[in-house]
Each structure stands twice: as C-alpha cells, then as structure tokens.
Amino acid sequence: MSILQVAGIALLAAMVILLLREMRAAAAPPVRLVTTLVLFGAALGLYAPLLTRVRTLFALGDGGALVTAVLRAVGIGMVCEFSAAFCRDLGENTIAEGVLLFGRLEILLLAMPLVDDLIQIVGELLK
C-alpha cells in the first residue's frame, strides 16, 4: 500500500467520522477503530521487508538477541502508541497514559537482559 492510498483512507475515514459525529455519535468510534486497524495493517505490511533487512544486517554481526529485542520494542511501542491515540480520541486521556506507561515498562523489562550482558562485558573489560 502506498502513502497516497494510506492518506486517502485516512482522509476519507476522517470525513466519515466527522459526519457520523454530527448525525450519530455512537457510530464514530467503531469507524475510527476499523480505520486504525487498517492503517496498522498497512504499517505491518511495510514492517516485514524491514524486518528481513534488519535481521540480515544483524546476522552479519552476530546480534540475534539484540535484533529480537529491538524489533519487539518497536512493535510494543507501535501498538501502545496506536492504542493510546485511540483512547485519546475517545476522550480517555488517563487510560491512554496507562497504556503508554505499561508499554514503557514492558520495553524496559525487555531490555534488562541486554543491560545485564552489557554490564558483564564492561566488567570483563575492566579486569
């Protein structure tokens, strides 16, 4: 999917949501959710070739665990950002901040084994 298609879908959905808010406010959130999922799916379509390329680059340097952690962190960040934006659109800022906090903590937890490895390497270098 090209950026023009994505932009067209986003603009069309925004106009439909605007009209639905005027006529039938309860119908706007499902349209917003479906649009968000379509855009997220389009982003995942771009993610696959990028994932292959990054894995190839890290395989050359033998960084398999690192690339897995980085790609998971990117995925967690994307899901959290989309979810928080949807919550903000519905006027639930507190829930959006909770989703973002949870995502940050999950990424931090994901990075802990890498930090342990880094500390171990630095300790060996200082000996």
C-alpha atoms as a PDB file:
ATOM      1  CA  MET A   1       0.000   0.000   0.000  1.00  0.00           C
ATOM      2  CA  SER A   2       1.452   3.392  -0.944  1.00  0.00           C
ATOM      3  CA  ILE A   3       1.384   6.562   1.109  1.00  0.00           C
ATOM      4  CA  LEU A   4      -1.205   8.045  -1.239  1.00  0.00           C
ATOM      5  CA  GLN A   5      -3.556   5.145  -0.549  1.00  0.00           C
ATOM      6  CA  VAL A   6      -2.972   5.390   3.187  1.00  0.00           C
ATOM      7  CA  ALA A   7      -3.524   9.158   3.145  1.00  0.00           C
ATOM      8  CA  GLY A   8      -6.699   8.693   1.084  1.00  0.00           C
ATOM      9  CA  ILE A   9      -8.064   6.112   3.516  1.00  0.00           C
ATOM     10  CA  ALA A  10      -7.206   8.344   6.476  1.00  0.00           C
ATOM     11  CA  LEU A  11      -8.828  11.442   4.958  1.00  0.00           C
ATOM     12  CA  LEU A  12     -11.924   9.545   3.876  1.00  0.00           C
ATOM     13  CA  ALA A  13     -12.287   7.996   7.315  1.00  0.00           C
ATOM     14  CA  ALA A  14     -11.812  11.390   8.988  1.00  0.00           C
ATOM     15  CA  MET A  15     -14.600  12.865   6.864  1.00  0.00           C
ATOM     16  CA  VAL A  16     -16.908   9.915   7.581  1.00  0.00           C
ATOM     17  CA  ILE A  17     -16.183  10.198  11.299  1.00  0.00           C
ATOM     18  CA  LEU A  18     -16.881  13.930  11.189  1.00  0.00           C
ATOM     19  CA  LEU A  19     -20.245  13.297   9.528  1.00  0.00           C
ATOM     20  CA  LEU A  20     -21.087  10.481  11.921  1.00  0.00           C
ATOM     21  CA  ARG A  21     -20.322  12.668  14.928  1.00  0.00           C
ATOM     22  CA  GLU A  22     -22.929  15.115  13.685  1.00  0.00           C
ATOM     23  CA  MET A  23     -25.610  12.554  12.811  1.00  0.00           C
ATOM     24  CA  ARG A  24     -24.877   9.540  15.004  1.00  0.00           C
ATOM     25  CA  ALA A  25     -22.140   9.976  17.572  1.00  0.00           C
ATOM     26  CA  ALA A  26     -22.186   6.337  18.708  1.00  0.00           C
ATOM     27  CA  ALA A  27     -21.193   5.103  15.242  1.00  0.00           C
ATOM     28  CA  ALA A  28     -17.968   7.141  15.040  1.00  0.00           C
ATOM     29  CA  PRO A  29     -15.736   5.089  17.415  1.00  0.00           C
ATOM     30  CA  PRO A  30     -16.155   1.779  15.522  1.00  0.00           C
ATOM     31  CA  VAL A  31     -15.279   3.511  12.234  1.00  0.00           C
ATOM     32  CA  ARG A  32     -12.249   5.056  13.935  1.00  0.00           C
ATOM     33  CA  LEU A  33     -11.192   1.664  15.288  1.00  0.00           C
ATOM     34  CA  VAL A  34     -11.551  -0.082  11.912  1.00  0.00           C
ATOM     35  CA  THR A  35      -9.573   2.699  10.217  1.00  0.00           C
ATOM     36  CA  THR A  36      -6.843   2.450  12.834  1.00  0.00           C
ATOM     37  CA  LEU A  37      -6.624  -1.309  12.336  1.00  0.00           C
ATOM     38  CA  VAL A  38      -6.437  -0.902   8.536  1.00  0.00           C
ATOM     39  CA  LEU A  39      -3.631   1.643   8.893  1.00  0.00           C
ATOM     40  CA  PHE A  40      -1.862  -0.582  11.413  1.00  0.00           C
ATOM     41  CA  GLY A  41      -2.152  -3.493   8.965  1.00  0.00           C
ATOM     42  CA  ALA A  42      -0.665  -1.341   6.214  1.00  0.00           C
ATOM     43  CA  ALA A  43       2.216  -0.432   8.523  1.00  0.00           C
ATOM     44  CA  LEU A  44       2.803  -4.113   9.281  1.00  0.00           C
ATOM     45  CA  GLY A  45       2.990  -4.733   5.535  1.00  0.00           C
ATOM     46  CA  LEU A  46       5.966  -2.381   5.424  1.00  0.00           C
ATOM     47  CA  TYR A  47       7.398  -3.913   8.571  1.00  0.00           C
ATOM     48  CA  ALA A  48       8.023  -7.360   7.019  1.00  0.00           C
ATOM     49  CA  PRO A  49      10.667  -6.314   4.436  1.00  0.00           C
ATOM     50  CA  LEU A  50      12.268  -4.029   7.001  1.00  0.00           C
ATOM     51  CA  LEU A  51      12.395  -6.892   9.478  1.00  0.00           C
ATOM     52  CA  THR A  52      14.125  -9.121   6.922  1.00  0.00           C
ATOM     53  CA  ARG A  53      16.705  -6.454   6.126  1.00  0.00           C
ATOM     54  CA  VAL A  54      17.473  -5.696   9.782  1.00  0.00           C
ATOM     55  CA  ARG A  55      17.813  -9.403  10.593  1.00  0.00           C
ATOM     56  CA  THR A  56      20.264  -9.778   7.695  1.00  0.00           C
ATOM     57  CA  LEU A  57      22.341  -6.849   8.929  1.00  0.00           C
ATOM     58  CA  PHE A  58      22.450  -8.136  12.499  1.00  0.00           C
ATOM     59  CA  ALA A  59      23.216 -11.684  11.359  1.00  0.00           C
ATOM     60  CA  LEU A  60      26.450 -10.365   9.861  1.00  0.00           C
ATOM     61  CA  GLY A  61      27.471  -9.073  13.284  1.00  0.00           C
ATOM     62  CA  ASP A  62      26.004 -11.996  15.242  1.00  0.00           C
ATOM     63  CA  GLY A  63      23.488  -9.834  17.145  1.00  0.00           C
ATOM     64  CA  GLY A  64      20.454 -12.156  17.043  1.00  0.00           C
ATOM     65  CA  ALA A  65      19.294 -11.500  20.604  1.00  0.00           C
ATOM     66  CA  LEU A  66      19.750  -7.772  20.138  1.00  0.00           C
ATOM     67  CA  VAL A  67      17.713  -7.583  16.949  1.00  0.00           C
ATOM     68  CA  THR A  68      14.905  -9.598  18.516  1.00  0.00           C
ATOM     69  CA  ALA A  69      14.751  -7.257  21.491  1.00  0.00           C
ATOM     70  CA  VAL A  70      14.878  -4.137  19.324  1.00  0.00           C
ATOM     71  CA  LEU A  71      12.145  -5.354  16.992  1.00  0.00           C
ATOM     72  CA  ARG A  72       9.928  -6.379  19.902  1.00  0.00           C
ATOM     73  CA  ALA A  73      10.458  -2.966  21.487  1.00  0.00           C
ATOM     74  CA  VAL A  74       9.483  -1.249  18.231  1.00  0.00           C
ATOM     75  CA  GLY A  75       6.372  -3.415  17.968  1.00  0.00           C
ATOM     76  CA  ILE A  76       5.392  -2.719  21.576  1.00  0.00           C
ATOM     77  CA  GLY A  77       5.889   0.994  21.011  1.00  0.00           C
ATOM     78  CA  MET A  78       3.746   0.995  17.884  1.00  0.00           C
ATOM     79  CA  VAL A  79       0.891  -0.933  19.492  1.00  0.00           C
ATOM     80  CA  CYS A  80       0.967   1.302  22.560  1.00  0.00           C
ATOM     81  CA  GLU A  81       1.010   4.490  20.501  1.00  0.00           C
ATOM     82  CA  PHE A  82      -1.935   3.382  18.331  1.00  0.00           C
ATOM     83  CA  SER A  83      -3.915   2.246  21.370  1.00  0.00           C
ATOM     84  CA  ALA A  84      -3.190   5.443  23.295  1.00  0.00           C
ATOM     85  CA  ALA A  85      -4.152   7.609  20.327  1.00  0.00           C
ATOM     86  CA  PHE A  86      -7.449   5.753  20.018  1.00  0.00           C
ATOM     87  CA  CYS A  87      -8.115   6.196  23.747  1.00  0.00           C
ATOM     88  CA  ARG A  88      -7.311   9.922  23.488  1.00  0.00           C
ATOM     89  CA  ASP A  89      -9.728  10.241  20.563  1.00  0.00           C
ATOM     90  CA  LEU A  90     -12.425   8.823  22.808  1.00  0.00           C
ATOM     91  CA  GLY A  91     -11.521  11.368  25.492  1.00  0.00           C
ATOM     92  CA  GLU A  92      -9.887   8.838  27.815  1.00  0.00           C
ATOM     93  CA  ASN A  93      -6.524  10.501  28.420  1.00  0.00           C
ATOM     94  CA  THR A  94      -5.907   8.672  31.688  1.00  0.00           C
ATOM     95  CA  ILE A  95      -6.343   5.283  30.033  1.00  0.00           C
ATOM     96  CA  ALA A  96      -4.061   6.398  27.185  1.00  0.00           C
ATOM     97  CA  GLU A  97      -1.344   7.347  29.655  1.00  0.00           C
ATOM     98  CA  GLY A  98      -1.792   3.988  31.405  1.00  0.00           C
ATOM     99  CA  VAL A  99      -1.270   2.147  28.114  1.00  0.00           C
ATOM    100  CA  LEU A 100       1.865   4.187  27.410  1.00  0.00           C
ATOM    101  CA  LEU A 101       3.220   3.600  30.918  1.00  0.00           C
ATOM    102  CA  PHE A 102       2.668  -0.135  30.602  1.00  0.00           C
ATOM    103  CA  GLY A 103       4.406  -0.133  27.211  1.00  0.00           C
ATOM    104  CA  ARG A 104       7.408   1.750  28.555  1.00  0.00           C
ATOM    105  CA  LEU A 105       7.721  -0.636  31.465  1.00  0.00           C
ATOM    106  CA  GLU A 106       7.420  -3.656  29.170  1.00  0.00           C
ATOM    107  CA  ILE A 107      10.167  -2.282  26.927  1.00  0.00           C
ATOM    108  CA  LEU A 108      12.329  -1.659  29.999  1.00  0.00           C
ATOM    109  CA  LEU A 109      11.733  -5.212  31.186  1.00  0.00           C
ATOM    110  CA  LEU A 110      12.582  -6.468  27.696  1.00  0.00           C
ATOM    111  CA  ALA A 111      15.876  -4.548  27.777  1.00  0.00           C
ATOM    112  CA  MET A 112      17.036  -5.840  31.161  1.00  0.00           C
ATOM    113  CA  PRO A 113      18.829  -8.957  29.818  1.00  0.00           C
ATOM    114  CA  LEU A 114      20.681  -6.726  27.341  1.00  0.00           C
ATOM    115  CA  VAL A 115      21.718  -4.388  30.160  1.00  0.00           C
ATOM    116  CA  ASP A 116      22.932  -7.395  32.167  1.00  0.00           C
ATOM    117  CA  ASP A 117      25.031  -8.547  29.191  1.00  0.00           C
ATOM    118  CA  LEU A 118      26.445  -5.049  28.749  1.00  0.00           C
ATOM    119  CA  ILE A 119      27.421  -4.818  32.428  1.00  0.00           C
ATOM    120  CA  GLN A 120      29.057  -8.241  32.185  1.00  0.00           C
ATOM    121  CA  ILE A 121      31.070  -7.178  29.114  1.00  0.00           C
ATOM    122  CA  VAL A 122      32.196  -3.945  30.791  1.00  0.00           C
ATOM    123  CA  GLY A 123      33.184  -5.908  33.889  1.00  0.00           C
ATOM    124  CA  GLU A 124      35.312  -8.259  31.783  1.00  0.00           C
ATOM    125  CA  LEU A 125      36.971  -5.335  30.010  1.00  0.00           C
ATOM    126  CA  LEU A 126      37.885  -3.702  33.328  1.00  0.00           C
ATOM    127  CA  LYS A 127      39.614  -6.859  34.636  1.00  0.00           C
END
